[in-house]
Structures are given as C-alpha cells and as structure tokens.
C-alpha cells in the first residue's frame, strides 16, 4: 500500500469513493491547518470537505453534512504516530 492518501475518500459504504482498507489503516484530515475528526468525505484536488453537522440525520438516516472549501491535507495516522514516537 502506498504512503500517499487518496485524492478523494468517503466513509459512507454506498459511495463510489469508499475504501475500507484505507479507513481501517486510519486516516487523519487537516482542514485549513486544523485537525478535523468529523469528516464524512474529502477531495484534495477540488479543495473541499464534508463535515457532519452534529447528530442530525436526513430522511434516509444519513448524517447531515456541510460542505466547506479550503486546503485539505490528508495523512495516515500510523505514519504520523510513528514519526512522533521516534522524535
């Protein structure tokens, strides 16, 4: 597996951008330099993230999301933890 996160990734299994192997490995997102933990989907090349809006759900039972534009920096959590442990 490569050390570069995908350009686009979603946590919803019905999405074409869902990738279970990458999600199990653990991926973190920095949006505008701030760590985000409620990201439902992101796209680096287009520069946006979809964040869940609290615990609200739509009619289909999916989380309500807000789309924000800005610089997106995905990274693998295992690589970040390994780097900080040796420093």
N, C-alpha and C. Protein backbone atom coordinates (compact mmCIF):
# COMPACT_ATOMS: atom_id res chain seq x y z
N UNK A 1 0.85 -1.18 0.00
CA UNK A 1 0.00 0.00 0.00
C UNK A 1 0.90 1.24 0.00
N UNK A 2 0.50 2.25 -0.73
CA UNK A 2 1.33 3.46 -0.82
C UNK A 2 1.20 4.30 0.44
N UNK A 3 2.14 5.23 0.61
CA UNK A 3 2.12 6.11 1.77
C UNK A 3 1.41 7.42 1.49
N UNK A 4 0.78 7.54 0.32
CA UNK A 4 0.04 8.75 0.00
C UNK A 4 -1.46 8.46 0.08
N UNK A 5 -2.20 9.24 0.85
CA UNK A 5 -3.65 9.05 0.92
C UNK A 5 -4.29 9.34 -0.44
N UNK A 6 -5.47 8.78 -0.70
CA UNK A 6 -6.14 9.04 -1.97
C UNK A 6 -6.60 10.48 -2.09
N UNK A 7 -6.82 10.91 -3.34
CA UNK A 7 -7.27 12.27 -3.59
C UNK A 7 -8.67 12.50 -3.03
N UNK A 8 -9.51 11.47 -3.07
CA UNK A 8 -10.88 11.61 -2.58
C UNK A 8 -11.25 10.35 -1.82
N UNK A 9 -11.92 10.52 -0.69
CA UNK A 9 -12.30 9.39 0.15
C UNK A 9 -13.59 9.72 0.90
N UNK A 10 -14.45 8.71 1.06
CA UNK A 10 -15.70 8.86 1.80
C UNK A 10 -15.84 7.74 2.82
N UNK A 11 -16.54 8.01 3.92
CA UNK A 11 -16.76 7.00 4.95
C UNK A 11 -18.08 6.24 4.75
N UNK A 12 -18.91 6.69 3.83
CA UNK A 12 -20.20 6.06 3.55
C UNK A 12 -19.98 4.86 2.61
N UNK A 13 -20.34 3.63 3.02
CA UNK A 13 -20.12 2.45 2.19
C UNK A 13 -20.84 2.47 0.85
N UNK A 14 -21.88 3.27 0.70
CA UNK A 14 -22.59 3.32 -0.58
C UNK A 14 -21.93 4.27 -1.58
N UNK A 15 -20.94 5.02 -1.16
CA UNK A 15 -20.24 5.96 -2.03
C UNK A 15 -19.24 5.22 -2.93
N UNK A 16 -19.06 5.69 -4.17
CA UNK A 16 -18.04 5.08 -5.03
C UNK A 16 -16.61 5.39 -4.56
N UNK A 17 -16.45 6.34 -3.65
CA UNK A 17 -15.13 6.73 -3.14
C UNK A 17 -14.81 6.09 -1.79
N UNK A 18 -15.60 5.12 -1.38
CA UNK A 18 -15.39 4.39 -0.13
C UNK A 18 -14.28 3.37 -0.33
N UNK A 19 -13.34 3.29 0.63
CA UNK A 19 -12.26 2.31 0.57
C UNK A 19 -12.02 1.79 1.99
N UNK A 20 -12.50 0.59 2.25
CA UNK A 20 -12.44 0.03 3.60
C UNK A 20 -11.00 -0.18 4.09
N UNK A 21 -10.11 -0.61 3.22
CA UNK A 21 -8.73 -0.87 3.63
C UNK A 21 -8.04 0.40 4.12
N UNK A 22 -8.26 1.50 3.45
CA UNK A 22 -7.63 2.76 3.85
C UNK A 22 -8.25 3.27 5.15
N UNK A 23 -9.56 3.13 5.30
CA UNK A 23 -10.21 3.58 6.53
C UNK A 23 -9.77 2.75 7.73
N UNK A 24 -9.55 1.45 7.54
CA UNK A 24 -9.07 0.60 8.63
C UNK A 24 -7.64 0.98 9.03
N UNK A 25 -6.84 1.38 8.05
CA UNK A 25 -5.46 1.80 8.35
C UNK A 25 -5.47 3.05 9.22
N UNK A 26 -6.44 3.91 9.03
CA UNK A 26 -6.56 5.13 9.82
C UNK A 26 -6.06 6.33 9.04
N UNK A 27 -6.93 7.28 8.82
CA UNK A 27 -6.57 8.47 8.07
C UNK A 27 -7.02 9.70 8.85
N UNK A 28 -6.18 10.71 8.87
CA UNK A 28 -6.49 11.96 9.54
C UNK A 28 -6.60 13.07 8.51
N UNK A 29 -7.35 14.11 8.85
CA UNK A 29 -7.56 15.23 7.93
C UNK A 29 -7.25 16.53 8.64
N UNK A 30 -6.43 17.35 8.01
CA UNK A 30 -6.22 18.73 8.44
C UNK A 30 -6.91 19.62 7.42
N UNK A 31 -7.84 20.44 7.89
CA UNK A 31 -8.56 21.36 7.01
C UNK A 31 -8.25 22.78 7.47
N UNK A 32 -7.64 23.54 6.59
CA UNK A 32 -7.18 24.91 6.91
C UNK A 32 -6.25 24.89 8.12
N UNK A 33 -5.42 23.84 8.22
CA UNK A 33 -4.44 23.74 9.29
C UNK A 33 -4.97 23.23 10.61
N UNK A 34 -6.26 22.88 10.69
CA UNK A 34 -6.87 22.41 11.94
C UNK A 34 -7.29 20.96 11.78
N UNK A 35 -6.97 20.13 12.77
CA UNK A 35 -7.34 18.72 12.75
C UNK A 35 -8.87 18.59 12.86
N UNK A 36 -9.48 17.84 11.94
CA UNK A 36 -10.93 17.60 11.95
C UNK A 36 -11.21 16.13 12.17
N UNK A 37 -12.14 15.83 13.06
CA UNK A 37 -12.48 14.44 13.36
C UNK A 37 -13.87 14.05 12.86
N UNK A 38 -14.63 15.00 12.33
CA UNK A 38 -15.99 14.71 11.88
C UNK A 38 -16.14 14.78 10.36
N UNK A 39 -15.09 14.41 9.63
CA UNK A 39 -15.10 14.48 8.17
C UNK A 39 -15.81 13.24 7.62
N UNK A 40 -16.81 13.46 6.79
CA UNK A 40 -17.54 12.37 6.13
C UNK A 40 -16.94 12.07 4.76
N UNK A 41 -16.42 13.09 4.08
CA UNK A 41 -15.84 12.92 2.75
C UNK A 41 -14.91 14.10 2.48
N UNK A 42 -13.88 13.87 1.67
CA UNK A 42 -12.98 14.96 1.31
C UNK A 42 -12.50 14.79 -0.12
N UNK A 43 -12.04 15.90 -0.73
CA UNK A 43 -11.42 15.87 -2.05
C UNK A 43 -10.29 16.90 -2.04
N UNK A 44 -9.05 16.42 -2.20
CA UNK A 44 -7.89 17.30 -2.15
C UNK A 44 -7.81 18.17 -3.40
N UNK A 45 -7.99 17.58 -4.60
CA UNK A 45 -7.83 18.32 -5.84
C UNK A 45 -8.87 19.43 -6.00
N UNK A 46 -10.08 19.20 -5.51
CA UNK A 46 -11.13 20.23 -5.60
C UNK A 46 -11.13 21.14 -4.38
N UNK A 47 -10.44 20.76 -3.31
CA UNK A 47 -10.31 21.60 -2.12
C UNK A 47 -11.56 21.74 -1.29
N UNK A 48 -12.19 20.63 -0.90
CA UNK A 48 -13.37 20.69 -0.04
C UNK A 48 -13.45 19.49 0.89
N UNK A 49 -14.21 19.66 1.97
CA UNK A 49 -14.53 18.58 2.90
C UNK A 49 -16.02 18.63 3.19
N UNK A 50 -16.58 17.48 3.52
CA UNK A 50 -17.96 17.40 4.02
C UNK A 50 -17.88 17.00 5.48
N UNK A 51 -18.37 17.86 6.34
CA UNK A 51 -18.35 17.62 7.79
C UNK A 51 -19.75 17.29 8.27
N UNK A 52 -19.86 16.34 9.19
CA UNK A 52 -21.17 16.03 9.76
C UNK A 52 -21.60 17.18 10.65
N UNK A 53 -22.89 17.52 10.57
CA UNK A 53 -23.44 18.63 11.33
C UNK A 53 -24.11 18.10 12.60
N UNK A 54 -23.32 17.85 13.61
CA UNK A 54 -23.86 17.34 14.87
C UNK A 54 -24.38 15.93 14.72
N UNK A 55 -25.47 15.63 15.40
CA UNK A 55 -26.06 14.29 15.35
C UNK A 55 -27.32 14.26 14.51
N UNK A 56 -27.57 15.31 13.74
CA UNK A 56 -28.78 15.36 12.93
C UNK A 56 -28.69 14.40 11.74
N UNK A 57 -29.84 13.82 11.39
CA UNK A 57 -29.91 12.86 10.29
C UNK A 57 -30.91 13.33 9.25
N UNK A 58 -30.68 12.93 7.99
CA UNK A 58 -31.65 13.25 6.94
C UNK A 58 -32.74 12.17 6.91
N UNK A 59 -33.64 12.25 5.94
CA UNK A 59 -34.75 11.30 5.87
C UNK A 59 -34.30 9.86 5.68
N UNK A 60 -33.16 9.67 5.03
CA UNK A 60 -32.65 8.32 4.78
C UNK A 60 -31.82 7.78 5.95
N UNK A 61 -31.63 8.58 6.99
CA UNK A 61 -30.87 8.14 8.15
C UNK A 61 -29.38 8.42 8.05
N UNK A 62 -28.97 9.16 7.01
CA UNK A 62 -27.56 9.54 6.85
C UNK A 62 -27.30 10.84 7.60
N UNK A 63 -26.07 11.05 8.07
CA UNK A 63 -25.78 12.30 8.78
C UNK A 63 -25.90 13.50 7.85
N UNK A 64 -26.44 14.59 8.39
CA UNK A 64 -26.50 15.85 7.64
C UNK A 64 -25.08 16.38 7.55
N UNK A 65 -24.71 16.92 6.40
CA UNK A 65 -23.34 17.39 6.20
C UNK A 65 -23.31 18.83 5.73
N UNK A 66 -22.16 19.45 5.96
CA UNK A 66 -21.88 20.80 5.50
C UNK A 66 -20.63 20.72 4.64
N UNK A 67 -20.68 21.31 3.45
CA UNK A 67 -19.53 21.29 2.55
C UNK A 67 -18.76 22.60 2.71
N UNK A 68 -17.47 22.50 3.06
CA UNK A 68 -16.62 23.67 3.24
C UNK A 68 -15.46 23.59 2.26
N UNK A 69 -15.06 24.75 1.74
CA UNK A 69 -13.95 24.80 0.79
C UNK A 69 -12.71 25.39 1.44
N UNK A 70 -11.56 24.83 1.08
CA UNK A 70 -10.29 25.28 1.61
C UNK A 70 -9.24 24.21 1.41
N UNK A 71 -8.01 24.47 1.87
CA UNK A 71 -6.94 23.48 1.71
C UNK A 71 -7.17 22.24 2.59
N UNK A 72 -7.04 21.06 1.97
CA UNK A 72 -7.26 19.78 2.65
C UNK A 72 -5.94 19.02 2.66
N UNK A 73 -5.53 18.52 3.83
CA UNK A 73 -4.29 17.77 3.98
C UNK A 73 -4.58 16.42 4.65
N UNK A 74 -4.78 15.35 3.86
CA UNK A 74 -4.96 14.03 4.47
C UNK A 74 -3.62 13.39 4.81
N UNK A 75 -3.60 12.56 5.83
CA UNK A 75 -2.38 11.83 6.21
C UNK A 75 -2.79 10.54 6.90
N UNK A 76 -1.90 9.55 6.85
CA UNK A 76 -2.16 8.29 7.55
C UNK A 76 -1.75 8.44 9.00
N UNK A 77 -2.63 8.06 9.91
CA UNK A 77 -2.37 8.21 11.34
C UNK A 77 -1.21 7.35 11.81
N UNK A 78 -1.06 6.15 11.26
CA UNK A 78 0.05 5.29 11.70
C UNK A 78 1.40 5.90 11.34
N UNK A 79 1.51 6.58 10.21
CA UNK A 79 2.76 7.24 9.82
C UNK A 79 3.03 8.44 10.74
N UNK A 80 1.99 9.19 11.09
CA UNK A 80 2.15 10.36 11.96
C UNK A 80 2.55 9.93 13.36
N UNK A 81 1.95 8.86 13.88
CA UNK A 81 2.29 8.37 15.22
C UNK A 81 3.70 7.81 15.27
N UNK A 82 4.09 7.10 14.21
CA UNK A 82 5.42 6.52 14.16
C UNK A 82 6.49 7.60 14.11
N UNK A 83 6.22 8.70 13.39
CA UNK A 83 7.18 9.78 13.28
C UNK A 83 7.33 10.54 14.58
N UNK A 84 6.25 10.73 15.32
CA UNK A 84 6.32 11.50 16.56
C UNK A 84 6.92 10.66 17.69
N UNK A 85 6.79 9.34 17.63
CA UNK A 85 7.33 8.49 18.69
C UNK A 85 8.85 8.46 18.66
N UNK A 86 9.45 8.55 17.48
CA UNK A 86 10.91 8.49 17.38
C UNK A 86 11.57 9.83 17.63
N UNK A 87 10.80 10.90 17.59
CA UNK A 87 11.38 12.25 17.78
C UNK A 87 11.50 12.63 19.23
